[in-house]
PDB file of N, CA and C in Angstrom:
ATOM      1  N   MET A   1      27.095 162.436 -11.469  1.00  0.00           N
ATOM      2  CA  MET A   1      28.398 161.781 -11.882  1.00  0.00           C
ATOM      3  C   MET A   1      28.289 160.436 -11.640  1.00  0.00           C
ATOM      4  N   PRO A   2      28.625 159.765 -12.527  1.00  0.00           N
ATOM      5  CA  PRO A   2      28.495 158.020 -12.210  1.00  0.00           C
ATOM      6  C   PRO A   2      29.533 157.423 -11.244  1.00  0.00           C
ATOM      7  N   GLU A   3      28.855 156.366 -10.708  1.00  0.00           N
ATOM      8  CA  GLU A   3      29.633 155.887  -9.395  1.00  0.00           C
ATOM      9  C   GLU A   3      30.882 155.352 -10.125  1.00  0.00           C
ATOM     10  N   GLY A   4      31.714 155.453  -9.387  1.00  0.00           N
ATOM     11  CA  GLY A   4      33.276 154.954  -9.821  1.00  0.00           C
ATOM     12  C   GLY A   4      33.768 155.795 -10.556  1.00  0.00           C
ATOM     13  N   ASP A   5      33.481 157.097 -10.947  1.00  0.00           N
ATOM     14  CA  ASP A   5      34.565 158.204 -11.707  1.00  0.00           C
ATOM     15  C   ASP A   5      35.343 158.795 -10.933  1.00  0.00           C
ATOM     16  N   GLU A   6      36.497 158.153 -10.625  1.00  0.00           N
ATOM     17  CA  GLU A   6      37.284 158.386  -9.647  1.00  0.00           C
ATOM     18  C   GLU A   6      38.406 159.603 -10.077  1.00  0.00           C
ATOM     19  N   ARG A   7      38.307 159.340 -11.415  1.00  0.00           N
ATOM     20  CA  ARG A   7      39.268 160.526 -12.183  1.00  0.00           C
ATOM     21  C   ARG A   7      38.479 161.884 -12.032  1.00  0.00           C
ATOM     22  N   GLN A   8      37.340 162.124 -11.988  1.00  0.00           N
ATOM     23  CA  GLN A   8      36.781 163.448 -11.736  1.00  0.00           C
ATOM     24  C   GLN A   8      36.721 163.716 -10.487  1.00  0.00           C
ATOM     25  N   ASP A   9      36.639 162.672  -9.626  1.00  0.00           N
ATOM     26  CA  ASP A   9      36.521 163.132  -8.040  1.00  0.00           C
ATOM     27  C   ASP A   9      38.052 163.330  -7.811  1.00  0.00           C
ATOM     28  N   LEU A  10      39.070 162.956  -8.466  1.00  0.00           N
ATOM     29  CA  LEU A  10      40.392 163.516  -8.148  1.00  0.00           C
ATOM     30  C   LEU A  10      40.758 164.826  -8.766  1.00  0.00           C
ATOM     31  N   GLN A  11      40.177 165.107  -9.884  1.00  0.00           N
ATOM     32  CA  GLN A  11      40.506 166.465 -10.426  1.00  0.00           C
ATOM     33  C   GLN A  11      39.696 167.509  -9.449  1.00  0.00           C
ATOM     34  N   GLN A  12      38.499 167.215  -9.073  1.00  0.00           N
ATOM     35  CA  GLN A  12      37.792 168.271  -8.437  1.00  0.00           C
ATOM     36  C   GLN A  12      38.450 168.475  -7.043  1.00  0.00           C
ATOM     37  N   THR A  13      38.976 167.462  -6.316  1.00  0.00           N
ATOM     38  CA  THR A  13      39.942 167.471  -5.029  1.00  0.00           C
ATOM     39  C   THR A  13      41.208 168.495  -5.347  1.00  0.00           C
ATOM     40  N   ALA A  14      41.932 167.998  -6.305  1.00  0.00           N
ATOM     41  CA  ALA A  14      43.144 168.793  -6.882  1.00  0.00           C
ATOM     42  C   ALA A  14      42.765 170.623  -7.006  1.00  0.00           C
ATOM     43  N   GLU A  15      41.696 170.337  -7.851  1.00  0.00           N
ATOM     44  CA  GLU A  15      41.479 171.932  -8.217  1.00  0.00           C
ATOM     45  C   GLU A  15      41.060 172.935  -6.912  1.00  0.00           C
ATOM     46  N   GLN A  16      40.423 171.977  -6.053  1.00  0.00           N
ATOM     47  CA  GLN A  16      40.024 173.000  -4.746  1.00  0.00           C
ATOM     48  C   GLN A  16      41.261 173.424  -3.883  1.00  0.00           C
ATOM     49  N   VAL A  17      42.528 172.718  -3.946  1.00  0.00           N
ATOM     50  CA  VAL A  17      43.713 173.145  -3.333  1.00  0.00           C
ATOM     51  C   VAL A  17      44.681 173.852  -4.065  1.00  0.00           C
ATOM     52  N   GLY A  18      44.189 174.338  -5.423  1.00  0.00           N
ATOM     53  CA  GLY A  18      45.002 175.133  -6.272  1.00  0.00           C
ATOM     54  C   GLY A  18      45.902 174.265  -7.267  1.00  0.00           C
ATOM     55  N   TRP A  19      45.704 173.026  -7.799  1.00  0.00           N
ATOM     56  CA  TRP A  19      46.611 172.346  -8.677  1.00  0.00           C
ATOM     57  C   TRP A  19      45.993 172.647 -10.153  1.00  0.00           C
ATOM     58  N   ARG A  20      46.819 172.785 -11.112  1.00  0.00           N
ATOM     59  CA  ARG A  20      46.174 173.109 -12.249  1.00  0.00           C
ATOM     60  C   ARG A  20      46.515 171.750 -12.957  1.00  0.00           C
ATOM     61  N   ARG A  21      45.674 171.373 -13.833  1.00  0.00           N
ATOM     62  CA  ARG A  21      45.479 169.989 -14.484  1.00  0.00           C
ATOM     63  C   ARG A  21      45.465 169.810 -16.147  1.00  0.00           C
ATOM     64  N   ASN A  22      46.501 169.223 -16.568  1.00  0.00           N
ATOM     65  CA  ASN A  22      46.399 168.856 -18.101  1.00  0.00           C
ATOM     66  C   ASN A  22      46.010 167.690 -18.164  1.00  0.00           C
ATOM     67  N   ASP A  23      44.930 167.560 -19.104  1.00  0.00           N
ATOM     68  CA  ASP A  23      44.566 166.259 -19.743  1.00  0.00           C
ATOM     69  C   ASP A  23      45.350 165.867 -21.162  1.00  0.00           C
ATOM     70  N   LEU A  24      46.142 164.866 -20.725  1.00  0.00           N
ATOM     71  CA  LEU A  24      46.767 164.332 -21.701  1.00  0.00           C
ATOM     72  C   LEU A  24      46.397 162.943 -22.225  1.00  0.00           C
ATOM     73  N   GLY A  25      45.006 162.998 -22.580  1.00  0.00           N
ATOM     74  CA  GLY A  25      44.540 161.488 -23.130  1.00  0.00           C
ATOM     75  C   GLY A  25      43.982 160.614 -21.911  1.00  0.00           C
ATOM     76  N   ARG A  26      45.001 159.628 -21.764  1.00  0.00           N
ATOM     77  CA  ARG A  26      44.689 158.550 -20.425  1.00  0.00           C
ATOM     78  C   ARG A  26      45.838 159.118 -19.384  1.00  0.00           C
ATOM     79  N   VAL A  27      46.298 160.200 -19.339  1.00  0.00           N
ATOM     80  CA  VAL A  27      47.203 160.573 -18.458  1.00  0.00           C
ATOM     81  C   VAL A  27      46.690 162.213 -17.889  1.00  0.00           C
ATOM     82  N   ASP A  28      46.996 162.339 -16.621  1.00  0.00           N
ATOM     83  CA  ASP A  28      46.613 163.600 -16.176  1.00  0.00           C
ATOM     84  C   ASP A  28      47.895 164.105 -15.645  1.00  0.00           C
ATOM     85  N   LEU A  29      48.104 165.441 -15.758  1.00  0.00           N
ATOM     86  CA  LEU A  29      49.520 165.902 -15.180  1.00  0.00           C
ATOM     87  C   LEU A  29      48.839 167.060 -14.551  1.00  0.00           C
ATOM     88  N   TYR A  30      49.255 167.064 -12.768  1.00  0.00           N
ATOM     89  CA  TYR A  30      49.092 168.045 -12.275  1.00  0.00           C
ATOM     90  C   TYR A  30      50.011 168.900 -11.734  1.00  0.00           C
ATOM     91  N   LEU A  31      50.024 170.191 -11.867  1.00  0.00           N
ATOM     92  CA  LEU A  31      51.127 171.145 -11.871  1.00  0.00           C
ATOM     93  C   LEU A  31      50.677 171.941 -10.659  1.00  0.00           C
ATOM     94  N   ARG A  32      51.588 172.634  -9.568  1.00  0.00           N
ATOM     95  CA  ARG A  32      51.442 173.621  -8.640  1.00  0.00           C
ATOM     96  C   ARG A  32      53.172 173.799  -8.252  1.00  0.00           C
ATOM     97  N   GLY A  33      53.519 175.032  -8.861  1.00  0.00           N
ATOM     98  CA  GLY A  33      55.070 175.221  -8.506  1.00  0.00           C
ATOM     99  C   GLY A  33      56.087 174.469  -9.400  1.00  0.00           C
ATOM    100  N   GLU A  34      56.893 174.094  -8.098  1.00  0.00           N
ATOM    101  CA  GLU A  34      57.811 173.259  -9.187  1.00  0.00           C
ATOM    102  C   GLU A  34      57.199 171.642  -8.826  1.00  0.00           C
ATOM    103  N   THR A  35      56.265 171.196  -8.350  1.00  0.00           N
ATOM    104  CA  THR A  35      55.741 169.850  -8.059  1.00  0.00           C
ATOM    105  C   THR A  35      54.770 169.502  -9.282  1.00  0.00           C
ATOM    106  N   ARG A  36      54.971 168.184  -9.519  1.00  0.00           N
ATOM    107  CA  ARG A  36      54.020 167.715 -10.559  1.00  0.00           C
ATOM    108  C   ARG A  36      53.705 166.350 -10.011  1.00  0.00           C
ATOM    109  N   VAL A  37      52.459 166.017 -10.125  1.00  0.00           N
ATOM    110  CA  VAL A  37      51.879 164.651 -10.396  1.00  0.00           C
ATOM    111  C   VAL A  37      51.531 164.158 -11.375  1.00  0.00           C
ATOM    112  N   ARG A  38      51.788 162.905 -11.740  1.00  0.00           N
ATOM    113  CA  ARG A  38      51.485 162.212 -13.295  1.00  0.00           C
ATOM    114  C   ARG A  38      50.746 161.005 -12.801  1.00  0.00           C
ATOM    115  N   VAL A  39      49.454 161.251 -13.315  1.00  0.00           N
ATOM    116  CA  VAL A  39      48.570 160.077 -12.929  1.00  0.00           C
ATOM    117  C   VAL A  39      48.115 159.147 -14.315  1.00  0.00           C
ATOM    118  N   VAL A  40      48.523 157.987 -14.483  1.00  0.00           N
ATOM    119  CA  VAL A  40      48.184 157.159 -15.671  1.00  0.00           C
ATOM    120  C   VAL A  40      47.035 156.301 -15.260  1.00  0.00           C
ATOM    121  N   TRP A  41      45.775 156.603 -16.186  1.00  0.00           N
ATOM    122  CA  TRP A  41      44.478 155.915 -15.993  1.00  0.00           C
ATOM    123  C   TRP A  41      44.350 154.683 -16.776  1.00  0.00           C
ATOM    124  N   ARG A  42      43.656 153.739 -15.964  1.00  0.00           N
ATOM    125  CA  ARG A  42      43.124 152.598 -16.542  1.00  0.00           C
ATOM    126  C   ARG A  42      41.348 152.847 -16.612  1.00  0.00           C
ATOM    127  N   GLY A  43      40.966 153.805 -17.629  1.00  0.00           N
ATOM    128  CA  GLY A  43      39.550 153.964 -17.569  1.00  0.00           C
ATOM    129  C   GLY A  43      39.363 155.241 -16.603  1.00  0.00           C
ATOM    130  N   THR A  44      38.080 155.353 -15.868  1.00  0.00           N
ATOM    131  CA  THR A  44      37.996 156.662 -15.014  1.00  0.00           C
ATOM    132  C   THR A  44      38.014 156.025 -13.517  1.00  0.00           C
ATOM    133  N   ASP A  45      38.205 154.784 -13.404  1.00  0.00           N
ATOM    134  CA  ASP A  45      37.743 154.353 -12.154  1.00  0.00           C
ATOM    135  C   ASP A  45      39.117 153.870 -11.584  1.00  0.00           C
ATOM    136  N   ALA A  46      40.283 153.734 -12.039  1.00  0.00           N
ATOM    137  CA  ALA A  46      41.541 152.852 -11.386  1.00  0.00           C
ATOM    138  C   ALA A  46      42.653 153.568 -12.374  1.00  0.00           C
ATOM    139  N   ILE A  47      43.811 153.369 -11.632  1.00  0.00           N
ATOM    140  CA  ILE A  47      44.902 154.269 -12.183  1.00  0.00           C
ATOM    141  C   ILE A  47      46.181 152.791 -12.407  1.00  0.00           C
ATOM    142  N   SER A  48      46.788 152.964 -13.407  1.00  0.00           N
ATOM    143  CA  SER A  48      47.988 152.112 -13.775  1.00  0.00           C
ATOM    144  C   SER A  48      49.048 152.626 -12.729  1.00  0.00           C
ATOM    145  N   GLY A  49      49.344 153.825 -12.649  1.00  0.00           N
ATOM    146  CA  GLY A  49      50.445 154.215 -11.570  1.00  0.00           C
ATOM    147  C   GLY A  49      50.356 155.935 -11.477  1.00  0.00           C
ATOM    148  N   ALA A  50      51.194 156.635 -10.598  1.00  0.00           N
ATOM    149  CA  ALA A  50      51.186 157.851 -10.704  1.00  0.00           C
ATOM    150  C   ALA A  50      52.706 158.151 -10.103  1.00  0.00           C
ATOM    151  N   THR A  51      53.205 159.356 -10.027  1.00  0.00           N
ATOM    152  CA  THR A  51      54.668 159.706 -10.291  1.00  0.00           C
ATOM    153  C   THR A  51      54.605 161.026  -9.251  1.00  0.00           C
ATOM    154  N   LEU A  52      55.374 161.411  -8.296  1.00  0.00           N
ATOM    155  CA  LEU A  52      55.251 162.721  -7.698  1.00  0.00           C
ATOM    156  C   LEU A  52      56.673 163.223  -8.125  1.00  0.00           C
ATOM    157  N   THR A  53      56.745 164.378  -8.747  1.00  0.00           N
ATOM    158  CA  THR A  53      58.086 164.582  -9.088  1.00  0.00           C
ATOM    159  C   THR A  53      58.234 166.503  -8.216  1.00  0.00           C
ATOM    160  N   GLN A  54      59.336 166.723  -7.717  1.00  0.00           N
ATOM    161  CA  GLN A  54      59.708 167.885  -7.497  1.00  0.00           C
ATOM    162  C   GLN A  54      60.974 168.304  -8.017  1.00  0.00           C
ATOM    163  N   ASP A  55      61.012 169.728  -8.374  1.00  0.00           N
ATOM    164  CA  ASP A  55      62.281 170.315  -9.148  1.00  0.00           C
ATOM    165  C   ASP A  55      62.709 169.255 -10.240  1.00  0.00           C
ATOM    166  N   ASP A  56      61.872 168.697 -10.952  1.00  0.00           N
ATOM    167  CA  ASP A  56      62.247 167.677 -11.946  1.00  0.00           C
ATOM    168  C   ASP A  56      63.303 166.470 -11.422  1.00  0.00           C
ATOM    169  N   VAL A  57      62.913 166.053 -10.145  1.00  0.00           N
ATOM    170  CA  VAL A  57      63.446 164.713  -9.697  1.00  0.00           C
ATOM    171  C   VAL A  57      62.182 163.847  -9.272  1.00  0.00           C
ATOM    172  N   MET A  58      62.042 162.827  -9.946  1.00  0.00           N
ATOM    173  CA  MET A  58      60.967 161.697  -9.423  1.00  0.00           C
ATOM    174  C   MET A  58      61.342 161.506  -7.783  1.00  0.00           C
ATOM    175  N   MET A  59      60.304 161.873  -7.012  1.00  0.00           N
ATOM    176  CA  MET A  59      60.302 161.519  -5.717  1.00  0.00           C
ATOM    177  C   MET A  59      59.954 159.788  -5.279  1.00  0.00           C
ATOM    178  N   THR A  60      58.701 159.674  -5.990  1.00  0.00           N
ATOM    179  CA  THR A  60      58.060 158.567  -5.475  1.00  0.00           C
ATOM    180  C   THR A  60      57.142 158.183  -6.528  1.00  0.00           C
ATOM    181  N   TYR A  61      56.941 156.774  -6.561  1.00  0.00           N
ATOM    182  CA  TYR A  61      56.059 156.267  -7.322  1.00  0.00           C
ATOM    183  C   TYR A  61      54.839 155.223  -6.479  1.00  0.00           C
ATOM    184  N   THR A  62      53.529 155.377  -7.318  1.00  0.00           N
ATOM    185  CA  THR A  62      52.517 154.496  -6.556  1.00  0.00           C
ATOM    186  C   THR A  62      51.785 153.977  -7.473  1.00  0.00           C
ATOM    187  N   ARG A  63      50.798 152.888  -7.092  1.00  0.00           N
ATOM    188  CA  ARG A  63      49.969 152.437  -7.859  1.00  0.00           C
ATOM    189  C   ARG A  63      48.527 152.616  -6.932  1.00  0.00           C
ATOM    190  N   ASP A  64      48.514 153.339  -5.810  1.00  0.00           N
ATOM    191  CA  ASP A  64      47.464 153.162  -4.864  1.00  0.00           C
ATOM    192  C   ASP A  64      46.852 154.651  -5.011  1.00  0.00           C
ATOM    193  N   LEU A  65      45.630 154.532  -5.677  1.00  0.00           N
ATOM    194  CA  LEU A  65      44.737 156.109  -5.773  1.00  0.00           C
ATOM    195  C   LEU A  65      44.704 156.873  -4.428  1.00  0.00           C
ATOM    196  N   PRO A  66      44.536 156.212  -3.094  1.00  0.00           N
ATOM    197  CA  PRO A  66      44.525 157.243  -1.911  1.00  0.00           C
ATOM    198  C   PRO A  66      45.472 157.826  -1.490  1.00  0.00           C
ATOM    199  N   THR A  67      46.875 157.181  -2.078  1.00  0.00           N
ATOM    200  CA  THR A  67      48.099 157.950  -1.817  1.00  0.00           C
ATOM    201  C   THR A  67      48.269 159.240  -2.744  1.00  0.00           C
ATOM    202  N   VAL A  68      47.744 158.863  -4.108  1.00  0.00           N
ATOM    203  CA  VAL A  68      47.994 160.009  -5.195  1.00  0.00           C
ATOM    204  C   VAL A  68      47.332 161.108  -4.484  1.00  0.00           C
ATOM    205  N   THR A  69      45.721 160.912  -3.875  1.00  0.00           N
ATOM    206  CA  THR A  69      44.860 161.968  -3.380  1.00  0.00           C
ATOM    207  C   THR A  69      45.677 162.395  -2.147  1.00  0.00           C
ATOM    208  N   SER A  70      46.213 161.818  -1.462  1.00  0.00           N
ATOM    209  CA  SER A  70      46.951 162.221  -0.150  1.00  0.00           C
ATOM    210  C   SER A  70      48.010 163.402  -0.706  1.00  0.00           C
ATOM    211  N   TRP A  71      48.851 163.087  -1.890  1.00  0.00           N
ATOM    212  CA  TRP A  71      49.632 164.015  -2.595  1.00  0.00           C
ATOM    213  C   TRP A  71      49.163 165.368  -3.004  1.00  0.00           C
ATOM    214  N   LEU A  72      47.726 165.337  -3.695  1.00  0.00           N
ATOM    215  CA  LEU A  72      47.330 166.550  -4.129  1.00  0.00           C
ATOM    216  C   LEU A  72      46.472 167.207  -3.010  1.00  0.00           C
ATOM    217  N   LYS A  73      46.424 166.713  -1.865  1.00  0.00           N
ATOM    218  CA  LYS A  73      45.682 167.558  -0.611  1.00  0.00           C
ATOM    219  C   LYS A  73      46.829 168.172  -0.033  1.00  0.00           C
ATOM    220  N   ARG A  74      48.338 168.033  -0.320  1.00  0.00           N
ATOM    221  CA  ARG A  74      49.014 168.570   0.683  1.00  0.00           C
ATOM    222  C   ARG A  74      49.106 170.185   0.265  1.00  0.00           C
TER     223      ARG A  74
END
């Protein structure tokens, strides 16, 4: 895996704890139950932003990749 491929790293982390991923081009949508995490990518090494949604209500937004990783590790 090339260095800096944060997108693939995040995908592997999410899959290990049961998230289903839909690749929508430059957007990844992770689903588990009523929780969704939508990540907009700038290439494969940085995000433009991400949202955490529960029961169709947006709970929070971030531009920090470590925060997104923590959401998916829950």
